[in-house]
Structure formats: structure tokens, C-alpha cells
Amino acid sequence: MLVAGGIVAGGIVTAALLAGCASTPTVGASAACEAPSITVEPRAVAPGESVMITGEGFMSDCDDTPDGDAGDPLQGLEVVFDHDGQTYAGGTADAGPSGTLSITVPVPLDLPAGKVDVSVGTSEPETITVSPLETTGG
């Protein structure tokens, strides 16, 4: 009889512990949003030539919540060319209603040759290769 009581008691404790492990979705929980991202084409250019930058995720808020509100598209985003820590302005860009952007910008004439990181606002940079500026003798 004692054994039967122990089994029942053990079963109740086990059932109570398992009930605490049941998962229920948390209302309003959110996951981390991805940072804005860009693509730069072409990947090899010379100073003075233009690059096309397209991007997505440029919204003022994160839409991973149940209401799906991503806020407003970001405006006045700085386009930056970074060569070994020296930055060069490339203008500004405005995201469209869905947080996407598409802009053509000239590569700064004084940008040194080599690997250059291009970014827009808080996007992860994309690396392009800048060739030396060709000069004509005369």
C-alpha cells in the first residue's frame, strides 16, 4: 500500500513538473530585426563613375510584432564611401513606403584606389573595388 501511495505521489509530482514545462506563446514577444541591407553594382568602378545602390529594411521600427507596424520609411540616409577609415560623402537617400531604396551615386573623384566599403545609413557595408583615376597626359 505504501508503494502504491509512493507511485501515485510520484506521479502527481511528475505531472506537476511537466505542466510547468508546457509552452505557451508570449503575446507581444519580438525577435531581433535584421539590419538594413544594400547591394552595390557594379563591384568594380573608377572615381567619377556611378554605382547603383539598392536596399531594403530601411524602416523606423521593427515589424516582428503582432500588429505588423514597421513604422515609417527612413529619410535623409547618408551614403558613405569608406577607404581605410577615411570617409567620403556620397549624398543622401530616402527609402520608399516599403523601406526599400534605389539610388545611383557617383564615386567621389578624390576616392583612392583599392577596396572601399559603401554603406547607407546603418546598413552593413558592401565592399567594392575602386581602380586608379585615369589621367590623360597633355
Protein backbone atom coordinates (compact mmCIF):
# COMPACT_ATOMS: atom_id res chain seq x y z
CA MET A 1 0.00 0.00 0.00
CA LEU A 2 2.84 2.33 0.79
CA VAL A 3 4.38 1.58 -2.58
CA ALA A 4 1.13 2.38 -4.36
CA GLY A 5 0.91 5.70 -2.50
CA GLY A 6 4.50 6.49 -3.45
CA ILE A 7 3.77 5.82 -7.08
CA VAL A 8 0.69 7.97 -7.03
CA ALA A 9 2.50 10.74 -5.17
CA GLY A 10 5.42 10.45 -7.59
CA GLY A 11 3.01 10.58 -10.49
CA ILE A 12 1.41 13.75 -9.12
CA VAL A 13 4.81 15.42 -8.65
CA THR A 14 5.86 14.35 -12.15
CA ALA A 15 2.61 15.65 -13.64
CA ALA A 16 3.02 18.97 -11.81
CA LEU A 17 6.59 19.37 -13.07
CA LEU A 18 5.63 18.56 -16.64
CA ALA A 19 2.74 21.02 -16.52
CA GLY A 20 5.25 23.77 -15.71
CA CYS A 21 7.14 22.93 -18.90
CA ALA A 22 4.18 23.49 -21.18
CA SER A 23 4.95 26.25 -23.62
CA THR A 24 2.50 28.98 -24.39
CA PRO A 25 3.24 31.75 -26.85
CA THR A 26 4.01 35.07 -25.26
CA VAL A 27 1.82 37.84 -26.62
CA GLY A 28 3.84 40.82 -27.80
CA ALA A 29 7.15 38.94 -27.84
CA SER A 30 9.54 40.08 -30.50
CA ALA A 31 12.57 38.73 -32.26
CA ALA A 32 15.56 40.77 -33.31
CA CYS A 33 15.05 42.64 -36.56
CA GLU A 34 17.59 42.41 -39.31
CA ALA A 35 19.68 45.46 -40.06
CA PRO A 36 19.05 47.26 -43.34
CA SER A 37 20.96 45.71 -46.23
CA ILE A 38 22.27 47.01 -49.54
CA THR A 39 23.66 45.75 -52.83
CA VAL A 40 26.09 47.84 -54.88
CA GLU A 41 26.60 47.39 -58.64
CA PRO A 42 28.98 47.37 -60.38
CA ARG A 43 31.52 45.95 -57.93
CA ALA A 44 34.49 47.49 -59.75
CA VAL A 45 34.49 51.20 -60.66
CA ALA A 46 36.72 54.21 -61.18
CA PRO A 47 36.33 57.59 -59.49
CA GLY A 48 33.66 59.63 -61.29
CA GLU A 49 31.75 56.56 -62.47
CA SER A 50 28.37 55.80 -60.90
CA VAL A 51 27.18 52.91 -58.77
CA MET A 52 23.60 51.74 -58.30
CA ILE A 53 22.72 51.06 -54.68
CA THR A 54 19.58 49.10 -53.86
CA GLY A 55 18.50 48.27 -50.34
CA GLU A 56 15.77 47.05 -48.04
CA GLY A 57 14.82 47.21 -44.36
CA PHE A 58 15.06 50.99 -44.04
CA MET A 59 12.09 51.49 -41.67
CA SER A 60 11.85 53.43 -38.40
CA ASP A 61 10.58 50.43 -36.43
CA CYS A 62 10.60 46.65 -36.47
CA ASP A 63 7.60 44.74 -37.89
CA ASP A 64 8.15 41.49 -35.97
CA THR A 65 5.31 42.25 -33.56
CA PRO A 66 1.73 41.00 -33.92
CA ASP A 67 0.48 44.39 -35.13
CA GLY A 68 2.99 44.29 -38.02
CA ASP A 69 3.74 48.03 -37.81
CA ALA A 70 7.18 48.74 -39.25
CA GLY A 71 6.91 52.47 -38.69
CA ASP A 72 7.85 54.99 -41.34
CA PRO A 73 10.40 54.76 -44.15
CA LEU A 74 13.72 56.38 -43.22
CA GLN A 75 14.65 59.64 -44.92
CA GLY A 76 17.93 61.52 -45.39
CA LEU A 77 20.13 58.42 -45.15
CA GLU A 78 23.82 59.22 -45.69
CA VAL A 79 25.63 57.32 -48.42
CA VAL A 80 29.25 56.83 -47.30
CA PHE A 81 32.34 55.51 -49.07
CA ASP A 82 34.96 54.31 -46.53
CA HIS A 83 38.56 53.72 -47.60
CA ASP A 84 40.77 52.56 -44.69
CA GLY A 85 38.81 54.60 -42.14
CA GLN A 86 38.70 57.77 -44.26
CA THR A 87 35.09 58.53 -45.20
CA TYR A 88 33.83 60.27 -48.33
CA ALA A 89 30.29 61.61 -48.70
CA GLY A 90 28.17 60.11 -51.44
CA GLY A 91 24.95 62.05 -50.92
CA THR A 92 21.69 61.06 -49.25
CA ALA A 93 18.93 58.57 -49.97
CA ASP A 94 15.27 58.28 -48.96
CA ALA A 95 13.53 54.93 -48.50
CA GLY A 96 10.22 54.33 -50.22
CA PRO A 97 6.97 53.32 -48.45
CA SER A 98 8.05 49.68 -48.03
CA GLY A 99 11.52 50.57 -46.69
CA THR A 100 13.34 49.91 -49.95
CA LEU A 101 15.62 52.27 -51.81
CA SER A 102 17.33 52.56 -55.15
CA ILE A 103 19.80 55.33 -55.86
CA THR A 104 22.56 55.99 -58.37
CA VAL A 105 25.52 57.93 -56.98
CA PRO A 106 28.85 58.96 -58.47
CA VAL A 107 32.02 57.59 -56.91
CA PRO A 108 33.88 60.59 -55.41
CA LEU A 109 36.71 61.81 -57.66
CA ASP A 110 39.14 62.01 -54.73
CA LEU A 111 38.46 58.44 -53.55
CA PRO A 112 41.75 56.46 -53.51
CA ALA A 113 42.08 53.21 -55.43
CA GLY A 114 41.56 49.95 -53.55
CA LYS A 115 38.89 48.19 -51.52
CA VAL A 116 36.15 50.58 -50.40
CA ASP A 117 33.18 49.92 -48.11
CA VAL A 118 29.91 51.52 -49.16
CA SER A 119 27.09 51.96 -46.65
CA VAL A 120 23.74 53.71 -46.46
CA GLY A 121 22.58 54.84 -43.01
CA THR A 122 23.02 51.91 -40.62
CA SER A 123 23.31 49.22 -43.32
CA GLU A 124 26.05 46.64 -43.28
CA PRO A 125 28.72 47.83 -45.72
CA GLU A 126 29.26 46.33 -49.15
CA THR A 127 32.82 46.25 -50.47
CA ILE A 128 33.65 47.45 -53.97
CA THR A 129 36.97 47.88 -55.76
CA VAL A 130 37.94 51.34 -56.96
CA SER A 131 40.53 51.49 -59.72
CA PRO A 132 43.01 54.35 -60.04
CA LEU A 133 41.69 57.52 -61.66
CA GLU A 134 42.92 57.61 -65.23
CA THR A 135 44.55 60.85 -66.25
CA THR A 136 45.38 61.95 -69.73
CA GLY A 137 48.74 63.47 -70.46
CA GLY A 138 48.98 66.68 -72.22
